[in-house]
Structure formats: structure tokens, C-alpha cells
Amino acid sequence: MTLPETTPVIVGVGQFVERIDSAGYRGLGFADLAAHAVRAALSDAGSAGDITPLIKAVGSIRTFEESGAMQVPFGRADHLALAVCRRLNIKPAVAILEKGGGQSPLALLSDLGSRIAAGDVPAALMFGSEAISTVRHLQHKGETRDWSEHDDPAADGIEWIDKGLGFEGTLSATSIAHGIRAPVTAYALCENARRARLGLSRQDYAARMGELFAPFTEVAAGNPYSAAAVQPMSPKEIVEVSSRNRLIAAPYPLKLVSRDQVNQAAAVLVMSAKAAREAGIPEDRWVYLHGAALTSEREILERPDIGAYPAANAAIAWALDTAEATPDGIDFFDFYSCFPAPVFNAAIDGLGLSSDDPRKLTLTGGLPYFGGAGNNYSTHALATMVERLRGKPGSKGLVGMNGGFQSKYGACVLSTGPRAWPGCETRSVQQMLDAAPRATLAPVMQGRGHIETYTVVCGKTGPEQAIVIGAMATGDRFIAQSRSPEVLAAMLANDPLGHAVTFTAGTKNSEFALS
């Protein structure tokens, strides 16, 4: 097959982890962690010479600190991508800070690949890192660091592109006012809505969550880049609430929750076929994009079925169709797995796979066990996927990337088999999703209704808040919250799905009581 000389190919991948209990622990910051991953990616390409002069576009995945999700007391590089480039003497013409969200690695790969396909640059580099574990470790010890760095892209003749935080449409003011702020709260509501649709008891659904994630723990235990030492766990160990596995937000105990305390970094090197060939990179190291799509979901309260994820299913279907592949023809999968819900929706409900599929639903081990490396998790998935595909020439792999609160989804199919650059679909599939009906929120949230989903949020000392979403007799949707100890105790003791409630509108939010 003769392909255009500007066809983008992935030629190098790298990962790095620094565990605080390792003998060589140094407490590296974000830029130094990322630089380690970039060096690994450059080495992985196997070029006959120095290819850094060819890298004219670079992009970094937005860290949690840059996303406003946490504060780092040690300062940071004001342009992370350029701080990493300085460490490796890379002189880019353009540098990008991608939007936040777990789907962002595909968005950045698509951007950089399109620049290569257009002939604008011969090679591009993307990377990301998180040092949350070190930040908390040093704070606990009372130590300080100075991670502040300054770069002036304009003075260096570099086009700097900051794509923004990317929070648009993820949460409404009404959702936030009722306590939906943390991801665990939002996903718990999605999870219980799915359970309601399936008509399962809490015990039966917990068993399914454990069965889904037990194989993930096995993969994470064998992954040298896992954020911490992990042992395989049984389904019961994962879901049974105990002093070491306390309830965070019903139905999630701690071992079902994404692990954000990580020191991890990953990088991907992309080149044109012409540049890769001239650099002497063996073609058996080339991996091609065969299909990709990025989609957005409605805000939680506007979703007709809060337990479903049409945007994920549409993105995956588009990627597979473009790649002329079926689920049976995919050799490797990695589904973004911050919580069970996105995996259930994408893999089980969407593709009809099973929790015990012999191909596994993860390559890394998943965010609760391998590590939830912020917005950069799926760069690790891409890096691992490239390695697996090289080991089985001609095979295909699917990576599913989830962002926000089941708010955004990216799906891509990769293979060592040659393919002209297909681009990444963002428009027509989104128009189809946007045309679907929306749920209607009650104009005044006061009256009676029944619970369609709920969660009870717990602190270290016990339950703190309950949130319910449901339907009124009119069909309108309502949301309400309660901090009554009696209500919280009753909801933990007995399944409240379908239960009648009365709710009254307050100045900031609605309060409910069990009828």
C-alpha cells in the first residue's frame, strides 16, 4: 500500500514512575517526570541518529494543578511543554497546552497528527505527568521544593496555544448547588441509575462491580509502571466495605475509586512516514491510527438516562466503523476506568463484552490500581497499546478515553497495519447526539416524586450528605439533597431506589425527606 509521505505514524512511546517507597526516590516534579518519559520515547523509536531537531510541535496534557483541581505549594513551570523541551534541547515552533479531561490525549494526538499530515511539521511530541503523590508526601514531612520555572514562548519565536480548561457543559449550577462537585459523587449517581435500569439489588450489583475490576487488579500487579505495589484482589475484597475499604460515596468503597496519588509520566512521539524512514526508524516500530472520534455528553441533569453513556457508544462505533473493524476483530482493549460505570457503559453495554473477556478490558490495570494519572492516564494506555501491537504485527487495539463526569469520550483504533491518516471525527456524530431528546428539569423543585438514582457521600467518620435525582408525576426531573442523620441512616440501611420523597425548594437548593 502506497501512503502519502506525510502520513503520521507513532514511532516512540515512553513511561516513567517514581514510587515514594523505592530505593532511588528523589521526589521529582512534574517537568522532570515528563522529561524521563520523553527520553524513553525517543530511545524507543530506535532512530539511527538524533531526531530532536525534527520535533517542531509539542503538546502537554494539562495537569490537575493546571486544571484547578488541586493546589501545589511548590510552584510550577508556567509553560510545562517548554520546560520539558529545555531539558532535552528540543526547539519547537509550536507548543500546545491541551484542554482538561481524560479524553485529552486523543484530542492532542489528533491535533499533532493533523499538523504532520498537512505537511506543517515532520515530527511532534506529546506528554504529560502527575506528581500528586510526591506533593502530599513532602507536605506530610514538612519539606518544601521550588518547582517554579519561567519560559517566554514569544521571545523564543514559539507559537503558544492554550486550549483552555475544557469544563464547558460538564456541570450545571443546579448540580453544583446540590453537592455534585467531586467525580466520585457524579459517578455514583450514574452507577446507581444504571443499577435501577437493570433492576439489580445492591448486593448483586456490587458483585458485578467486583467481577469487573478483579481482572484489572491482576493486570496492575504485573505492570512495572503502576503507581504503587498492587496485589491481585478478589471481587469480594474490592467491594466489601471494611475499615480498610470504607464507603466513599454509595455504591463505591475506596477500592473502586480512581487513585490520584501517583508520580507517573508518559510520552508519545509521532512522525511523518517520510521523516521516520529518513531517520532510519524500522517500520516494524510504526503504529498507525485507523479510526478515531471525540464526542461530548449532556450535563447530568439533562440526560434522559443518567445511567447510560450514548456519547461513548457513538465514539466507539465511529472509530470501529472507520477502521473497518468489529469488536471480535480487536485484539487489545483499554477502557478508561476511573469507576466501573464508564467501563460498563462502553465495554459491557455498548460492545457486549464480558468482564472475564480473555483479551482483558485494560492494558494498564486501570485507574484505581495502576494509577489515575490525572488527565494523562490514557497517554499511558496509548503507550502500552503501541507496545502490545508491535508484539503482534497486524493486530488492532481499541483505546476508550473518558473525561469529566461521563461528559466527554474519545475512542481510537490503532494497528501496525498501514493506513492513511483518517483524522478524528468531531462533528457529524456529535450532531446526531445533540439531536436526541433531553430531560426536562422541574421549574420549581417542590412537591413529590420518586427516586431514580441517588448517592450517600461519606467522610472518614460516617455519612455526610445524600443526593437524590428523580421524576415527578409530571415527568419533570428533580434533584434534592439532605444532611439529616435519620435520612442518611435509612438510605444506607435500605435501598431507596424507587422510593417516594417529598422535597421543598430552598434559597440555594432543594431539601428532601423520605415519604
Protein backbone atom coordinates (compact mmCIF):
# COMPACT_ATOMS: atom_id res chain seq x y z
CA MET A 1 0.00 0.00 0.00
CA THR A 2 1.38 3.37 -1.06
CA LEU A 3 0.62 6.05 1.52
CA PRO A 4 1.26 9.80 1.44
CA GLU A 5 4.73 10.70 2.68
CA THR A 6 3.11 12.91 5.33
CA THR A 7 1.12 10.04 6.87
CA PRO A 8 1.57 10.33 10.68
CA VAL A 9 2.93 7.25 12.43
CA ILE A 10 3.58 6.66 16.11
CA VAL A 11 7.24 5.65 16.34
CA GLY A 12 8.13 6.00 20.03
CA VAL A 13 6.46 5.67 23.41
CA GLY A 14 7.77 6.03 26.93
CA GLN A 15 6.54 5.76 30.51
CA PHE A 16 8.05 6.57 33.89
CA VAL A 17 7.03 6.05 37.50
CA GLU A 18 8.60 7.18 40.78
CA ARG A 19 7.29 5.43 43.87
CA ILE A 20 7.87 7.11 47.22
CA ASP A 21 8.89 3.78 48.77
CA SER A 22 11.52 2.99 46.11
CA ALA A 23 15.22 2.97 46.97
CA GLY A 24 16.08 5.63 44.40
CA TYR A 25 13.21 8.00 45.23
CA ARG A 26 14.13 11.65 44.54
CA GLY A 27 10.82 13.49 44.74
CA LEU A 28 10.80 14.67 41.12
CA GLY A 29 8.46 17.42 39.97
CA PHE A 30 6.12 17.46 37.00
CA ALA A 31 8.64 18.60 34.38
CA ASP A 32 11.36 16.17 35.45
CA LEU A 33 8.92 13.23 35.47
CA ALA A 34 7.74 14.13 31.97
CA ALA A 35 11.32 14.51 30.74
CA HIS A 36 12.07 10.94 31.82
CA ALA A 37 9.11 9.67 29.79
CA VAL A 38 10.16 11.73 26.75
CA ARG A 39 13.70 10.33 26.87
CA ALA A 40 12.22 6.84 26.98
CA ALA A 41 10.02 7.60 23.94
CA LEU A 42 12.96 8.98 21.95
CA SER A 43 15.02 5.92 22.79
CA ASP A 44 12.11 3.60 21.97
CA ALA A 45 11.94 4.93 18.40
CA GLY A 46 15.25 3.26 17.64
CA SER A 47 16.45 6.02 15.32
CA ALA A 48 19.91 5.80 13.80
CA GLY A 49 20.61 9.41 14.84
CA ASP A 50 19.35 12.39 16.82
CA ILE A 51 15.77 13.15 15.83
CA THR A 52 15.14 16.01 18.26
CA PRO A 53 15.83 18.68 15.59
CA LEU A 54 12.84 17.30 13.64
CA ILE A 55 10.39 17.85 16.52
CA LYS A 56 8.70 21.14 15.66
CA ALA A 57 5.40 20.68 17.51
CA VAL A 58 4.99 19.64 21.14
CA GLY A 59 1.98 19.35 23.40
CA SER A 60 1.44 18.70 27.08
CA ILE A 61 -1.58 17.24 28.81
CA ARG A 62 -2.98 19.63 31.40
CA THR A 63 -2.02 18.56 34.93
CA PHE A 64 -4.58 18.51 37.73
CA GLU A 65 -2.87 21.60 39.15
CA GLU A 66 -3.17 23.41 35.81
CA SER A 67 -6.82 22.30 35.69
CA GLY A 68 -7.55 23.93 39.05
CA ALA A 69 -8.30 20.58 40.69
CA MET A 70 -5.55 20.97 43.29
CA GLN A 71 -3.00 23.47 44.59
CA VAL A 72 0.72 22.69 44.55
CA PRO A 73 2.61 24.73 47.17
CA PHE A 74 5.96 24.33 45.41
CA GLY A 75 5.19 26.38 42.31
CA ARG A 76 5.23 25.06 38.75
CA ALA A 77 6.52 25.69 35.27
CA ASP A 78 4.40 28.37 33.62
CA HIS A 79 4.78 26.51 30.30
CA LEU A 80 5.26 22.83 31.11
CA ALA A 81 5.78 21.79 27.50
CA LEU A 82 8.64 24.26 27.11
CA ALA A 83 10.20 23.35 30.46
CA VAL A 84 10.41 19.74 29.27
CA CYS A 85 11.80 20.80 25.88
CA ARG A 86 14.60 22.77 27.56
CA ARG A 87 15.68 19.63 29.38
CA LEU A 88 16.12 17.79 26.08
CA ASN A 89 17.27 20.70 23.87
CA ILE A 90 14.14 20.45 21.72
CA LYS A 91 13.35 23.63 19.76
CA PRO A 92 9.67 23.56 18.76
CA ALA A 93 7.89 26.06 16.53
CA VAL A 94 4.55 25.46 18.25
CA ALA A 95 3.70 24.32 21.77
CA ILE A 96 0.22 23.34 22.98
CA LEU A 97 -1.41 23.04 26.39
CA GLU A 98 -4.37 20.72 25.84
CA LYS A 99 -7.78 21.04 27.47
CA GLY A 100 -8.52 19.07 30.62
CA GLY A 101 -10.33 15.73 30.67
CA GLY A 102 -9.42 12.08 30.28
CA GLN A 103 -10.18 12.30 26.54
CA SER A 104 -7.46 14.95 26.06
CA PRO A 105 -4.66 12.57 24.94
CA LEU A 106 -6.69 11.69 21.84
CA ALA A 107 -7.50 15.36 21.21
CA LEU A 108 -3.81 16.22 21.38
CA LEU A 109 -2.75 13.24 19.26
CA SER A 110 -5.33 14.29 16.67
CA ASP A 111 -4.07 17.89 16.65
CA LEU A 112 -0.40 16.94 16.31
CA GLY A 113 -1.12 14.24 13.75
CA SER A 114 -3.13 16.65 11.61
CA ARG A 115 -0.22 19.11 11.59
CA ILE A 116 2.06 16.34 10.36
CA ALA A 117 -0.48 15.15 7.76
CA ALA A 118 -0.78 18.70 6.42
CA GLY A 119 3.00 18.87 5.99
CA ASP A 120 3.40 21.62 8.58
CA VAL A 121 5.87 19.70 10.78
CA PRO A 122 7.89 16.49 10.28
CA ALA A 123 7.62 15.28 13.88
CA ALA A 124 5.66 16.03 17.05
CA LEU A 125 5.83 15.03 20.68
CA MET A 126 3.09 14.76 23.33
CA PHE A 127 3.48 14.04 27.02
CA GLY A 128 2.00 14.52 30.45
CA SER A 129 2.79 13.88 34.09
CA GLU A 130 1.42 13.99 37.62
CA ALA A 131 3.38 14.29 40.88
CA ILE A 132 0.46 14.29 43.32
CA SER A 133 1.92 11.52 45.46
CA THR A 134 5.18 13.42 45.94
CA VAL A 135 3.34 16.69 46.68
CA ARG A 136 1.37 15.08 49.51
CA HIS A 137 4.34 13.08 50.74
CA LEU A 138 6.58 16.15 51.02
CA GLN A 139 3.85 18.20 52.64
CA HIS A 140 3.31 15.48 55.23
CA LYS A 141 7.05 15.50 56.01
CA GLY A 142 7.12 19.30 56.17
CA GLU A 143 9.56 19.56 53.26
CA THR A 144 9.47 22.16 50.51
CA ARG A 145 10.60 22.34 46.90
CA ASP A 146 10.89 25.06 44.27
CA TRP A 147 9.36 23.81 41.02
CA SER A 148 8.84 27.30 39.59
CA GLU A 149 10.14 27.79 36.04
CA HIS A 150 9.60 30.53 33.50
CA ASP A 151 9.68 30.39 29.72
CA ASP A 152 8.82 33.14 27.26
CA PRO A 153 7.49 31.49 24.09
CA ALA A 154 7.10 34.82 22.25
CA ALA A 155 10.71 35.78 22.90
CA ASP A 156 11.81 32.39 21.59
CA GLY A 157 9.65 32.63 18.48
CA ILE A 158 7.34 29.83 19.60
CA GLU A 159 3.60 29.85 18.92
CA TRP A 160 1.95 29.09 22.28
CA ILE A 161 -1.58 27.63 22.23
CA ASP A 162 -3.55 27.23 25.46
CA LYS A 163 -6.81 25.46 24.62
CA GLY A 164 -8.47 26.32 27.94
CA LEU A 165 -9.72 24.35 30.91
CA GLY A 166 -12.40 22.47 28.99
CA PHE A 167 -15.05 22.50 31.72
CA GLU A 168 -17.79 23.79 29.44
CA GLY A 169 -21.04 21.86 29.86
CA THR A 170 -19.74 19.39 32.42
CA LEU A 171 -21.76 20.53 35.46
CA SER A 172 -24.65 22.97 35.81
CA ALA A 173 -25.06 25.47 38.63
CA THR A 174 -28.02 23.40 39.87
CA SER A 175 -25.93 20.23 40.09
CA ILE A 176 -23.13 22.03 41.91
CA ALA A 177 -25.56 23.67 44.35
CA HIS A 178 -26.83 20.22 45.33
CA GLY A 179 -23.37 18.82 46.04
CA ILE A 180 -22.27 17.28 42.72
CA ARG A 181 -18.72 18.54 42.63
CA ALA A 182 -16.32 15.63 43.09
CA PRO A 183 -16.10 12.95 40.40
CA VAL A 184 -16.91 10.18 42.88
CA THR A 185 -20.28 11.82 43.62
CA ALA A 186 -21.25 12.24 39.98
CA TYR A 187 -20.20 8.71 39.03
CA ALA A 188 -22.03 7.22 42.00
CA LEU A 189 -25.22 8.80 40.67
CA CYS A 190 -24.51 7.37 37.21
CA GLU A 191 -23.78 3.95 38.69
CA ASN A 192 -26.98 3.73 40.74
CA ALA A 193 -29.02 4.93 37.76
CA ARG A 194 -27.62 2.06 35.71
CA ARG A 195 -28.44 -0.37 38.52
CA ALA A 196 -32.00 0.96 38.58
CA ARG A 197 -32.35 0.34 34.84
CA LEU A 198 -31.08 -3.23 35.22
CA GLY A 199 -33.32 -3.88 38.24
CA LEU A 200 -30.50 -5.30 40.35
CA SER A 201 -30.22 -5.35 44.12
CA ARG A 202 -27.33 -3.53 45.79
CA GLN A 203 -25.69 -6.86 46.62
CA ASP A 204 -25.97 -8.22 43.08
CA TYR A 205 -24.68 -5.02 41.53
CA ALA A 206 -21.77 -4.83 43.94
CA ALA A 207 -20.84 -8.36 42.90
CA ARG A 208 -20.80 -7.28 39.25
CA MET A 209 -18.57 -4.31 40.02
CA GLY A 210 -16.16 -6.61 41.82
CA GLU A 211 -16.18 -9.10 38.96
CA LEU A 212 -15.50 -6.26 36.50
CA PHE A 213 -12.48 -4.86 38.34
CA ALA A 214 -10.87 -8.01 39.78
CA PRO A 215 -9.10 -8.75 36.44
CA PHE A 216 -7.86 -5.14 36.44
CA THR A 217 -6.01 -5.73 39.71
CA GLU A 218 -4.24 -8.72 38.14
CA VAL A 219 -3.03 -6.60 35.21
CA ALA A 220 -1.92 -3.75 37.50
CA ALA A 221 0.01 -6.16 39.71
CA GLY A 222 2.15 -7.15 36.71
CA ASN A 223 2.65 -3.63 35.34
CA PRO A 224 6.09 -2.16 36.17
CA TYR A 225 4.70 1.37 35.75
CA SER A 226 1.91 1.04 38.35
CA ALA A 227 1.91 3.93 40.81
CA ALA A 228 2.15 1.61 43.82
CA ALA A 229 2.73 -2.03 44.61
CA VAL A 230 -0.57 -3.77 43.87
CA GLN A 231 -1.71 -7.28 44.68
CA PRO A 232 -4.48 -9.07 42.78
CA MET A 233 -7.77 -8.83 44.62
CA SER A 234 -10.90 -10.96 44.59
CA PRO A 235 -14.26 -9.39 43.72
CA LYS A 236 -15.26 -9.64 47.37
CA GLU A 237 -12.11 -7.84 48.55
CA ILE A 238 -12.81 -4.99 46.15
CA VAL A 239 -16.43 -4.30 47.09
CA GLU A 240 -16.80 -5.43 50.70
CA VAL A 241 -16.92 -2.38 52.99
CA SER A 242 -14.47 -2.56 55.89
CA SER A 243 -12.20 -0.36 57.98
CA ARG A 244 -9.60 -0.57 55.20
CA ASN A 245 -12.17 -0.19 52.42
CA ARG A 246 -14.55 2.45 53.73
CA LEU A 247 -17.55 3.70 51.83
CA ILE A 248 -16.73 6.89 49.90
CA ALA A 249 -20.00 7.51 48.04
CA ALA A 250 -22.59 4.76 47.71
CA PRO A 251 -22.10 2.37 45.95
CA TYR A 252 -18.33 2.94 45.93
CA PRO A 253 -15.95 1.82 48.64
CA LEU A 254 -12.36 3.05 48.40
CA LYS A 255 -11.08 0.18 46.24
CA LEU A 256 -13.46 1.10 43.41
CA VAL A 257 -12.24 4.70 43.27
CA SER A 258 -9.57 6.13 40.95
CA ARG A 259 -6.20 6.51 42.66
CA ASP A 260 -4.93 10.06 42.17
CA GLN A 261 -1.84 9.81 44.39
CA VAL A 262 0.63 8.97 41.65
CA ASN A 263 4.01 10.04 40.30
CA GLN A 264 3.68 8.96 36.69
CA ALA A 265 4.51 10.28 33.24
CA ALA A 266 4.02 9.10 29.66
CA ALA A 267 5.01 10.35 26.21
CA VAL A 268 4.23 9.58 22.55
CA LEU A 269 6.41 10.51 19.55
CA VAL A 270 4.72 10.93 16.15
CA MET A 271 6.49 11.46 12.82
CA SER A 272 5.62 11.59 9.15
CA ALA A 273 6.34 8.37 7.28
CA LYS A 274 8.98 10.23 5.25
CA ALA A 275 10.75 11.64 8.31
CA ALA A 276 10.62 8.31 10.12
CA ARG A 277 12.07 6.50 7.13
CA GLU A 278 14.83 9.02 6.66
CA ALA A 279 15.66 8.83 10.36
CA GLY A 280 16.19 5.10 9.99
CA ILE A 281 13.33 4.09 12.29
CA PRO A 282 12.39 0.49 11.46
CA GLU A 283 8.89 0.18 10.03
CA ASP A 284 8.08 -2.64 12.42
CA ARG A 285 8.01 0.05 15.11
CA TRP A 286 5.41 2.15 13.29
CA VAL A 287 1.83 2.22 14.55
CA TYR A 288 -0.99 3.85 12.58
CA LEU A 289 -4.26 5.46 13.59
CA HIS A 290 -7.11 3.59 11.86
CA GLY A 291 -10.14 5.41 13.25
CA ALA A 292 -10.98 7.96 15.93
CA ALA A 293 -13.82 10.09 17.28
CA LEU A 294 -14.36 12.59 20.09
CA THR A 295 -17.83 13.23 21.48
CA SER A 296 -19.49 15.19 24.28
CA GLU A 297 -22.33 14.14 26.56
CA ARG A 298 -25.05 16.31 28.05
CA GLU A 299 -24.86 17.65 31.57
CA ILE A 300 -26.01 15.07 34.11
CA LEU A 301 -29.45 16.56 34.79
CA GLU A 302 -30.23 16.79 31.05
CA ARG A 303 -29.52 13.12 30.31
CA PRO A 304 -32.70 11.08 29.75
CA ASP A 305 -30.95 8.05 31.26
CA ILE A 306 -28.32 9.13 33.77
CA GLY A 307 -27.02 5.55 33.84
CA ALA A 308 -26.27 5.43 30.09
CA TYR A 309 -23.44 6.93 28.03
CA PRO A 310 -24.55 7.43 24.39
CA ALA A 311 -21.55 9.65 23.63
CA ALA A 312 -19.15 6.83 24.49
CA ASN A 313 -21.07 4.29 22.43
CA ALA A 314 -21.20 6.67 19.44
CA ALA A 315 -17.48 7.48 19.57
CA ILE A 316 -16.51 3.81 19.79
CA ALA A 317 -18.88 2.84 16.96
CA TRP A 318 -17.45 5.56 14.72
CA ALA A 319 -13.85 4.57 15.45
CA LEU A 320 -14.57 0.91 14.72
CA ASP A 321 -16.50 1.66 11.53
CA THR A 322 -13.75 3.94 10.22
CA ALA A 323 -11.19 1.25 11.00
CA GLU A 324 -13.39 -1.36 9.29
CA ALA A 325 -13.24 -3.41 12.48
CA THR A 326 -15.67 -5.22 14.73
CA PRO A 327 -15.35 -5.90 18.47
CA ASP A 328 -14.45 -9.52 17.65
CA GLY A 329 -11.61 -8.28 15.45
CA ILE A 330 -9.98 -6.21 18.17
CA ASP A 331 -7.00 -7.89 19.82
CA PHE A 332 -6.41 -5.46 22.71
CA PHE A 333 -8.61 -3.09 24.70
CA ASP A 334 -8.07 -0.35 27.21
CA PHE A 335 -11.19 1.30 28.60
CA TYR A 336 -10.84 4.34 30.83
CA SER A 337 -11.78 3.04 34.26
CA CYS A 338 -11.91 5.78 36.89
CA PHE A 339 -15.01 3.99 38.22
CA PRO A 340 -16.97 0.96 36.99
CA ALA A 341 -19.71 2.97 35.21
CA PRO A 342 -17.68 4.10 32.14
CA VAL A 343 -16.39 0.57 31.59
CA PHE A 344 -19.84 -0.97 31.99
CA ASN A 345 -21.31 1.54 29.56
CA ALA A 346 -18.60 1.35 26.91
CA ALA A 347 -17.49 -2.27 27.05
CA ILE A 348 -20.35 -4.28 28.52
CA ASP A 349 -23.49 -2.40 27.44
CA GLY A 350 -22.03 -0.84 24.28
CA LEU A 351 -19.92 -3.62 22.77
CA GLY A 352 -21.43 -6.65 24.50
CA LEU A 353 -18.11 -7.74 26.02
CA SER A 354 -17.92 -9.62 29.31
CA SER A 355 -15.96 -8.84 32.47
CA ASP A 356 -13.95 -12.04 32.01
CA ASP A 357 -13.14 -11.49 28.32
CA PRO A 358 -9.82 -13.30 27.78
CA ARG A 359 -8.46 -10.24 25.95
CA LYS A 360 -8.92 -8.18 29.17
CA LEU A 361 -10.60 -4.77 29.27
CA THR A 362 -7.43 -2.96 30.35
CA LEU A 363 -3.78 -2.95 29.37
CA THR A 364 -2.52 -0.87 32.29
CA GLY A 365 -4.57 -2.16 35.20
CA GLY A 366 -7.00 0.74 35.43
CA LEU A 367 -7.11 3.99 37.35
CA PRO A 368 -7.88 2.57 40.82
CA TYR A 369 -4.97 0.10 40.66
CA PHE A 370 -2.42 1.15 38.02
CA GLY A 371 -3.00 4.78 38.92
CA GLY A 372 -5.26 7.64 37.89
CA ALA A 373 -2.57 9.85 36.38
CA GLY A 374 -4.93 12.81 36.05
CA ASN A 375 -5.87 13.80 32.52
CA ASN A 376 -2.81 11.88 31.29
CA TYR A 377 -3.93 8.33 32.11
CA SER A 378 -4.77 7.44 28.51
CA THR A 379 -1.32 8.51 27.31
CA HIS A 380 -0.14 5.55 29.39
CA ALA A 381 -2.83 3.45 27.68
CA LEU A 382 -1.63 4.59 24.25
CA ALA A 383 1.99 3.82 25.13
CA THR A 384 1.14 0.34 26.38
CA MET A 385 -1.11 -0.29 23.37
CA VAL A 386 1.72 0.56 20.96
CA GLU A 387 4.00 -1.93 22.70
CA ARG A 388 1.38 -4.69 22.52
CA LEU A 389 0.58 -4.06 18.86
CA ARG A 390 4.24 -4.23 17.90
CA GLY A 391 4.41 -7.62 19.58
CA LYS A 392 1.62 -8.93 17.35
CA PRO A 393 2.04 -7.44 13.85
CA GLY A 394 -1.23 -6.76 12.04
CA SER A 395 -3.26 -6.71 15.25
CA LYS A 396 -5.70 -3.95 16.21
CA GLY A 397 -6.28 -2.22 19.53
CA LEU A 398 -9.08 -0.01 20.84
CA VAL A 399 -8.50 2.70 23.45
CA GLY A 400 -11.54 4.33 25.07
CA MET A 401 -10.95 7.62 26.92
CA ASN A 402 -13.46 9.13 29.30
CA GLY A 403 -13.48 12.72 30.54
CA GLY A 404 -15.35 14.79 33.09
CA PHE A 405 -18.39 13.12 34.64
CA GLN A 406 -19.11 10.77 31.74
CA SER A 407 -19.07 14.11 29.92
CA LYS A 408 -16.63 13.56 27.05
CA TYR A 409 -15.38 10.47 25.28
CA GLY A 410 -12.61 9.69 22.84
CA ALA A 411 -12.13 6.39 21.07
CA CYS A 412 -9.39 5.31 18.70
CA VAL A 413 -8.33 2.16 16.89
CA LEU A 414 -4.60 1.61 16.31
CA SER A 415 -2.69 -1.00 14.33
CA THR A 416 0.70 -1.79 12.88
CA GLY A 417 -1.07 -2.29 9.55
CA PRO A 418 -0.61 0.69 7.19
CA ARG A 419 -3.45 3.20 6.97
CA ALA A 420 -3.72 6.69 5.54
CA TRP A 421 -4.40 9.29 8.24
CA PRO A 422 -8.18 9.15 8.92
CA GLY A 423 -8.34 12.18 11.17
CA CYS A 424 -10.56 12.32 14.22
CA GLU A 425 -14.32 12.75 13.83
CA THR A 426 -15.83 15.50 15.97
CA ARG A 427 -18.80 16.95 14.07
CA SER A 428 -21.33 14.65 12.40
CA VAL A 429 -21.51 12.11 15.21
CA GLN A 430 -21.94 14.98 17.70
CA GLN A 431 -24.80 16.44 15.68
CA MET A 432 -26.59 13.11 15.98
CA LEU A 433 -26.10 13.09 19.76
CA ASP A 434 -27.25 16.69 20.12
CA ALA A 435 -30.49 15.95 18.24
CA ALA A 436 -31.65 13.38 20.81
CA PRO A 437 -34.31 14.41 23.41
CA ARG A 438 -33.27 15.99 26.70
CA ALA A 439 -34.66 15.52 30.18
CA THR A 440 -36.71 18.46 31.46
CA LEU A 441 -35.84 19.90 34.87
CA ALA A 442 -38.80 20.98 37.01
CA PRO A 443 -39.15 24.79 37.01
CA VAL A 444 -39.78 24.72 40.77
CA MET A 445 -38.35 21.78 42.67
CA GLN A 446 -41.06 21.39 45.26
CA GLY A 447 -43.56 18.58 45.65
CA ARG A 448 -43.42 14.81 45.47
CA GLY A 449 -41.61 12.32 43.27
CA HIS A 450 -39.74 9.02 43.26
CA ILE A 451 -36.01 8.35 43.32
CA GLU A 452 -34.37 7.26 40.06
CA THR A 453 -30.82 7.49 41.37
CA TYR A 454 -29.04 8.56 44.50
CA THR A 455 -25.82 8.53 46.46
CA VAL A 456 -24.81 8.92 50.09
CA VAL A 457 -21.48 10.71 50.43
CA CYS A 458 -19.38 9.62 53.39
CA GLY A 459 -16.44 11.14 55.23
CA LYS A 460 -13.96 9.32 57.45
CA THR A 461 -16.38 9.50 60.38
CA GLY A 462 -19.55 8.49 58.56
CA PRO A 463 -22.27 9.65 56.13
CA GLU A 464 -22.45 13.38 55.46
CA GLN A 465 -24.88 14.07 52.61
CA ALA A 466 -27.44 12.33 50.45
CA ILE A 467 -28.31 13.42 46.92
CA VAL A 468 -31.34 12.15 45.02
CA ILE A 469 -32.44 12.65 41.42
CA GLY A 470 -35.83 11.50 40.27
CA ALA A 471 -39.09 12.15 38.47
CA MET A 472 -42.27 13.93 39.46
CA ALA A 473 -45.72 12.81 38.36
CA THR A 474 -45.48 15.41 35.58
CA GLY A 475 -42.42 13.66 34.19
CA ASP A 476 -40.19 16.58 35.12
CA ARG A 477 -36.88 15.79 36.75
CA PHE A 478 -35.97 16.96 40.24
CA ILE A 479 -32.80 16.98 42.33
CA ALA A 480 -32.61 17.42 46.08
CA GLN A 481 -30.23 16.82 48.96
CA SER A 482 -30.38 16.03 52.68
CA ARG A 483 -27.97 16.06 55.60
CA SER A 484 -30.46 14.61 58.09
CA PRO A 485 -28.76 11.81 60.09
CA GLU A 486 -32.03 9.87 60.08
CA VAL A 487 -32.41 10.12 56.31
CA LEU A 488 -28.78 9.13 55.70
CA ALA A 489 -29.05 6.13 58.03
CA ALA A 490 -32.27 4.98 56.41
CA MET A 491 -30.80 5.20 52.89
CA LEU A 492 -27.76 3.17 53.86
CA ALA A 493 -29.87 0.57 55.65
CA ASN A 494 -32.45 0.09 52.87
CA ASP A 495 -32.26 0.54 49.12
CA PRO A 496 -34.01 3.85 48.32
CA LEU A 497 -34.31 3.38 44.54
CA GLY A 498 -37.92 3.92 43.52
CA HIS A 499 -38.81 5.26 46.96
CA ALA A 500 -41.21 8.21 47.24
CA VAL A 501 -39.85 11.51 48.54
CA THR A 502 -41.15 14.96 49.29
CA PHE A 503 -38.94 17.93 48.57
CA THR A 504 -39.03 21.65 49.20
CA ALA A 505 -37.19 24.44 47.40
CA GLY A 506 -34.70 26.43 49.47
CA THR A 507 -32.69 29.54 48.69
CA LYS A 508 -29.76 27.58 47.24
CA ASN A 509 -31.01 24.02 46.81
CA SER A 510 -33.90 21.68 47.44
CA GLU A 511 -34.17 19.51 50.54
CA PHE A 512 -35.88 16.13 50.55
CA ALA A 513 -37.42 13.78 53.07
CA LEU A 514 -38.32 10.13 52.59
CA SER A 515 -42.08 9.72 52.34
